[in-house]
């Protein structure tokens, strides 16, 4: 058996140091699965109706005061009015092309696999150019609100836009704690990889990978950003196929079996470490 551990490394993309990172999450994850075709959809901004992007719940409730994660679907050609949010959010592009910046900024289209941070209080627009545009959005506290730019404020954070080509992927050639037999790779996104500090990273599983993920923390949430895998919880015969936009949560010390039907990238948010073990 080959063992891959979410190691304690303070290797972060430098510009993310400007963003305030929460250290804990008050919510506790449980064993749960939401496949892409089970997502419940509504409007991100109900006051704008079908002029608003669609929003699909994955975990938590964005209208409550707690942390939550949800999908946002944009029509091709969508461009929002300039606005602000009352809370900071982080986003991963799952499909299409998205632009998120000051309304006067030159368009910088982020393809799938890219990452961005939008600080609370900062005026910006969001636009979409792909045929199908889908993103995973995550907030540390709610409710998630859209407000006019007249209420803009500076909370000390700065926006971040990282094209997928600028992510730093680590494997056995770069660090000692991954043996590259099965080709698992990791890209750290934000947070401090120490003790039970809240952090997020991307895990890339090569096509054909078979193994398990054991959660060692009180909070573990995983979203499929790209690819296709099968998933089951140990001691549970039920197997689900998780495509892009699917989600699974893990209770502490639970073990989840996965098999990558194609190269698969998973966004993992946790309050502590986890182990990935190949078959």
Protein backbone atom coordinates (compact mmCIF):
# COMPACT_ATOMS: atom_id res chain seq x y z
CA UNK A 1 0.00 0.00 0.00
CA UNK A 2 1.26 3.48 -0.90
CA UNK A 3 0.35 6.31 1.48
CA UNK A 4 -0.22 9.98 0.54
CA UNK A 5 -0.72 12.41 3.42
CA UNK A 6 -1.99 16.00 3.30
CA UNK A 7 1.27 17.18 4.87
CA UNK A 8 1.94 20.21 7.05
CA UNK A 9 3.57 22.61 4.58
CA UNK A 10 3.35 26.38 4.59
CA UNK A 11 3.73 26.49 0.82
CA UNK A 12 1.17 29.00 -0.49
CA UNK A 13 0.86 31.07 -3.62
CA UNK A 14 2.46 34.33 -2.51
CA UNK A 15 -0.28 36.76 -3.38
CA UNK A 16 -2.78 34.85 -1.27
CA UNK A 17 -1.03 36.24 1.79
CA UNK A 18 -3.07 39.41 1.21
CA UNK A 19 -6.32 37.56 1.91
CA UNK A 20 -7.49 37.06 5.49
CA UNK A 21 -7.79 33.32 6.07
CA UNK A 22 -10.16 31.93 8.68
CA UNK A 23 -8.53 29.44 11.03
CA UNK A 24 -11.53 27.28 11.86
CA UNK A 25 -14.98 26.33 10.64
CA UNK A 26 -17.72 26.12 13.24
CA UNK A 27 -19.68 23.58 11.21
CA UNK A 28 -18.92 19.85 11.33
CA UNK A 29 -19.00 17.71 8.22
CA UNK A 30 -20.85 14.41 7.94
CA UNK A 31 -20.75 11.57 5.44
CA UNK A 32 -22.89 12.82 2.58
CA UNK A 33 -22.92 12.84 -1.22
CA UNK A 34 -24.52 15.23 -3.70
CA UNK A 35 -24.11 14.15 -7.32
CA UNK A 36 -24.25 16.77 -10.07
CA UNK A 37 -27.74 15.64 -11.11
CA UNK A 38 -29.05 15.90 -7.52
CA UNK A 39 -28.21 19.59 -7.09
CA UNK A 40 -31.20 21.75 -6.17
CA UNK A 41 -31.20 24.95 -8.25
CA UNK A 42 -32.62 28.41 -7.62
CA UNK A 43 -31.58 32.02 -8.34
CA UNK A 44 -28.41 33.45 -6.83
CA UNK A 45 -30.10 36.84 -6.53
CA UNK A 46 -33.85 36.17 -6.33
CA UNK A 47 -34.66 39.89 -6.73
CA UNK A 48 -33.33 39.78 -10.31
CA UNK A 49 -35.05 36.51 -11.24
CA UNK A 50 -33.80 34.97 -14.49
CA UNK A 51 -31.44 37.92 -14.99
CA UNK A 52 -29.47 36.44 -12.12
CA UNK A 53 -27.13 33.42 -12.35
CA UNK A 54 -28.57 30.14 -11.11
CA UNK A 55 -27.37 28.82 -7.74
CA UNK A 56 -27.19 25.18 -6.65
CA UNK A 57 -26.73 24.02 -3.07
CA UNK A 58 -23.89 21.62 -2.23
CA UNK A 59 -23.40 22.05 1.54
CA UNK A 60 -24.53 24.53 4.18
CA UNK A 61 -27.01 27.35 3.60
CA UNK A 62 -25.78 30.59 2.03
CA UNK A 63 -28.76 32.46 3.53
CA UNK A 64 -27.72 31.53 7.09
CA UNK A 65 -24.86 32.88 9.20
CA UNK A 66 -22.72 29.76 8.78
CA UNK A 67 -20.19 28.68 6.15
CA UNK A 68 -21.51 27.19 2.91
CA UNK A 69 -20.52 26.00 -0.54
CA UNK A 70 -22.66 26.22 -3.67
CA UNK A 71 -22.56 26.14 -7.46
CA UNK A 72 -23.23 29.17 -9.65
CA UNK A 73 -24.25 28.77 -13.29
CA UNK A 74 -23.90 31.67 -15.74
CA UNK A 75 -25.41 32.02 -19.19
CA UNK A 76 -23.07 32.74 -22.10
CA UNK A 77 -22.59 36.49 -22.43
CA UNK A 78 -23.69 37.21 -18.87
CA UNK A 79 -22.24 40.37 -17.34
CA UNK A 80 -23.41 41.68 -13.99
CA UNK A 81 -23.85 45.30 -13.00
CA UNK A 82 -21.10 46.60 -10.71
CA UNK A 83 -21.90 45.48 -7.16
CA UNK A 84 -20.41 44.39 -3.85
CA UNK A 85 -20.91 41.49 -1.46
CA UNK A 86 -21.18 41.69 2.29
CA UNK A 87 -18.86 38.69 2.71
CA UNK A 88 -15.65 37.49 1.08
CA UNK A 89 -15.98 34.48 -1.20
CA UNK A 90 -13.60 32.08 -2.92
CA UNK A 91 -14.33 30.55 -6.32
CA UNK A 92 -13.15 27.71 -8.55
CA UNK A 93 -14.05 27.62 -12.26
CA UNK A 94 -15.56 24.24 -13.14
CA UNK A 95 -16.44 24.94 -16.78
CA UNK A 96 -16.50 27.81 -19.25
CA UNK A 97 -14.72 31.15 -18.98
CA UNK A 98 -15.25 33.65 -16.15
CA UNK A 99 -14.06 37.20 -15.56
CA UNK A 100 -14.23 38.81 -12.11
CA UNK A 101 -12.68 42.24 -11.61
CA UNK A 102 -13.21 45.97 -11.42
CA UNK A 103 -15.77 47.13 -13.99
CA UNK A 104 -13.09 49.14 -15.85
CA UNK A 105 -10.49 46.35 -15.87
CA UNK A 106 -9.50 44.63 -19.09
CA UNK A 107 -11.17 41.24 -19.37
CA UNK A 108 -9.09 38.33 -18.08
CA UNK A 109 -10.97 35.11 -18.77
CA UNK A 110 -10.31 32.36 -16.23
CA UNK A 111 -10.70 28.82 -17.67
CA UNK A 112 -11.81 25.73 -15.75
CA UNK A 113 -9.47 24.84 -12.93
CA UNK A 114 -8.72 28.50 -12.13
CA UNK A 115 -9.18 30.09 -8.71
CA UNK A 116 -10.19 33.54 -7.48
CA UNK A 117 -10.99 35.45 -4.29
CA UNK A 118 -13.47 38.35 -4.11
CA UNK A 119 -13.14 40.46 -0.94
CA UNK A 120 -16.19 41.73 0.89
CA UNK A 121 -17.07 45.33 0.14
CA UNK A 122 -15.08 45.70 -3.09
CA UNK A 123 -16.93 46.86 -6.22
CA UNK A 124 -16.61 44.47 -9.16
CA UNK A 125 -18.41 42.80 -12.04
CA UNK A 126 -18.65 39.14 -12.99
CA UNK A 127 -18.93 38.06 -16.62
CA UNK A 128 -19.09 34.73 -18.47
CA UNK A 129 -18.02 33.87 -22.01
CA UNK A 130 -18.13 30.09 -22.36
CA UNK A 131 -21.01 28.03 -23.72
CA UNK A 132 -21.55 26.46 -20.28
CA UNK A 133 -20.18 28.46 -17.32
CA UNK A 134 -20.11 26.87 -13.90
CA UNK A 135 -18.23 27.77 -10.71
CA UNK A 136 -17.97 26.52 -7.15
CA UNK A 137 -18.35 29.35 -4.61
CA UNK A 138 -17.51 29.11 -0.93
CA UNK A 139 -18.09 31.53 1.94
CA UNK A 140 -16.88 31.36 5.53
CA UNK A 141 -19.96 33.06 6.94
CA UNK A 142 -23.32 34.17 5.61
CA UNK A 143 -25.70 35.31 4.53
CA UNK A 144 -24.40 35.85 1.00
CA UNK A 145 -25.85 39.16 -0.20
CA UNK A 146 -25.52 41.37 -3.28
CA UNK A 147 -25.44 45.11 -2.55
CA UNK A 148 -24.99 48.33 -4.57
CA UNK A 149 -21.56 49.93 -5.00
CA UNK A 150 -22.73 52.90 -2.94
CA UNK A 151 -22.18 50.64 0.08
CA UNK A 152 -18.60 49.70 -0.89
CA UNK A 153 -15.99 49.43 1.85
CA UNK A 154 -12.37 48.27 2.26
CA UNK A 155 -11.99 45.31 4.61
CA UNK A 156 -8.22 45.07 4.12
CA UNK A 157 -8.30 42.09 1.78
CA UNK A 158 -7.29 42.22 -1.87
CA UNK A 159 -8.76 40.31 -4.84
CA UNK A 160 -6.92 37.33 -6.30
CA UNK A 161 -7.21 35.85 -9.80
CA UNK A 162 -5.11 32.77 -10.54
CA UNK A 163 -5.22 31.15 -13.97
CA UNK A 164 -4.92 27.36 -13.79
CA UNK A 165 -1.60 27.62 -15.65
CA UNK A 166 -0.13 29.45 -12.63
CA UNK A 167 -0.99 26.76 -10.08
CA UNK A 168 2.00 24.97 -8.58
CA UNK A 169 1.54 21.20 -8.63
CA UNK A 170 3.71 19.09 -6.32
CA UNK A 171 4.58 15.42 -6.61
CA UNK A 172 7.40 13.06 -5.65
CA UNK A 173 9.92 14.97 -7.72
CA UNK A 174 9.29 18.08 -5.64
CA UNK A 175 8.71 16.78 -2.11
CA UNK A 176 9.48 13.68 -0.10
CA UNK A 177 6.07 12.72 1.24
CA UNK A 178 4.59 11.55 -2.07
CA UNK A 179 5.92 8.43 -3.78
CA UNK A 180 5.02 8.99 -7.39
CA UNK A 181 4.02 5.42 -8.23
CA UNK A 182 0.38 6.35 -8.83
CA UNK A 183 0.90 9.94 -10.00
CA UNK A 184 -1.13 11.78 -7.32
CA UNK A 185 -0.41 15.53 -7.30
CA UNK A 186 -1.27 18.39 -4.94
CA UNK A 187 -1.64 22.17 -5.36
CA UNK A 188 -2.05 24.22 -2.18
CA UNK A 189 -4.50 27.12 -2.47
CA UNK A 190 -5.00 28.86 0.86
CA UNK A 191 -4.74 28.46 4.60
CA UNK A 192 -2.08 27.14 6.96
CA UNK A 193 -1.26 23.45 6.80
CA UNK A 194 -0.63 23.13 10.51
CA UNK A 195 -2.59 21.25 13.17
CA UNK A 196 -6.35 21.73 12.62
CA UNK A 197 -6.13 25.05 10.79
CA UNK A 198 -8.64 25.58 8.00
CA UNK A 199 -7.07 25.13 4.57
CA UNK A 200 -7.85 24.17 0.98
CA UNK A 201 -5.92 22.35 -1.71
CA UNK A 202 -6.45 20.64 -5.02
CA UNK A 203 -5.77 16.92 -5.41
CA UNK A 204 -5.25 15.52 -8.90
CA UNK A 205 -5.84 11.79 -9.36
CA UNK A 206 -4.60 10.19 -12.60
CA UNK A 207 -6.95 8.10 -14.73
CA UNK A 208 -7.26 4.62 -13.28
CA UNK A 209 -6.31 5.58 -9.73
CA UNK A 210 -7.95 3.32 -7.14
CA UNK A 211 -7.68 3.93 -3.45
CA UNK A 212 -9.18 5.55 -0.40
CA UNK A 213 -9.36 8.93 1.31
CA UNK A 214 -9.42 8.90 5.11
CA UNK A 215 -10.51 12.12 6.81
CA UNK A 216 -8.65 12.90 10.03
CA UNK A 217 -10.27 16.27 10.73
CA UNK A 218 -13.63 17.49 12.10
CA UNK A 219 -14.40 19.21 8.82
CA UNK A 220 -13.81 17.80 5.32
CA UNK A 221 -15.62 18.87 2.16
CA UNK A 222 -14.69 17.82 -1.37
CA UNK A 223 -15.94 19.16 -4.71
CA UNK A 224 -15.16 17.57 -8.06
CA UNK A 225 -13.75 20.36 -10.22
CA UNK A 226 -12.80 18.32 -13.26
CA UNK A 227 -13.08 14.68 -14.23
CA UNK A 228 -15.14 11.69 -13.22
CA UNK A 229 -14.79 9.17 -10.40
CA UNK A 230 -16.74 6.55 -8.50
CA UNK A 231 -17.18 7.00 -4.77
CA UNK A 232 -18.38 4.88 -1.90
CA UNK A 233 -18.11 5.01 1.87
CA UNK A 234 -16.34 2.02 3.40
CA UNK A 235 -18.82 -0.51 4.86
CA UNK A 236 -21.48 0.92 2.55
CA UNK A 237 -22.04 -0.94 -0.71
CA UNK A 238 -23.68 2.04 -2.43
CA UNK A 239 -21.43 3.51 -5.13
CA UNK A 240 -22.00 6.90 -6.75
CA UNK A 241 -20.53 8.35 -9.92
CA UNK A 242 -19.27 11.86 -9.23
CA UNK A 243 -18.75 14.15 -12.19
CA UNK A 244 -17.73 17.81 -12.25
CA UNK A 245 -19.89 19.80 -9.83
CA UNK A 246 -20.50 16.86 -7.48
CA UNK A 247 -19.71 16.98 -3.76
CA UNK A 248 -19.00 14.65 -0.87
CA UNK A 249 -18.50 15.39 2.81
CA UNK A 250 -16.64 13.18 5.24
CA UNK A 251 -17.10 12.63 8.96
CA UNK A 252 -13.95 12.46 11.07
CA UNK A 253 -12.10 9.12 10.73
CA UNK A 254 -14.38 7.95 7.90
CA UNK A 255 -12.86 6.22 4.87
CA UNK A 256 -14.06 6.87 1.32
CA UNK A 257 -13.20 4.61 -1.62
CA UNK A 258 -12.57 6.35 -4.96
CA UNK A 259 -11.68 5.27 -8.48
CA UNK A 260 -10.78 7.86 -11.12
CA UNK A 261 -12.49 6.99 -14.41
CA UNK A 262 -10.47 9.80 -15.99
CA UNK A 263 -7.97 12.33 -14.66
CA UNK A 264 -9.85 14.00 -11.82
CA UNK A 265 -9.22 17.19 -9.86
CA UNK A 266 -10.80 17.55 -6.41
CA UNK A 267 -11.02 20.72 -4.32
CA UNK A 268 -10.68 19.74 -0.65
CA UNK A 269 -11.44 22.08 2.24
CA UNK A 270 -10.62 20.72 5.70
CA UNK A 271 -9.79 21.64 9.28
CA UNK A 272 -6.84 19.28 9.44
CA UNK A 273 -5.17 16.49 7.55
CA UNK A 274 -6.34 13.52 5.52
CA UNK A 275 -4.67 10.48 3.98
CA UNK A 276 -4.93 9.29 0.39
CA UNK A 277 -3.90 5.67 -0.02
CA UNK A 278 -3.60 3.84 -3.31
CA UNK A 279 -4.90 0.29 -3.72
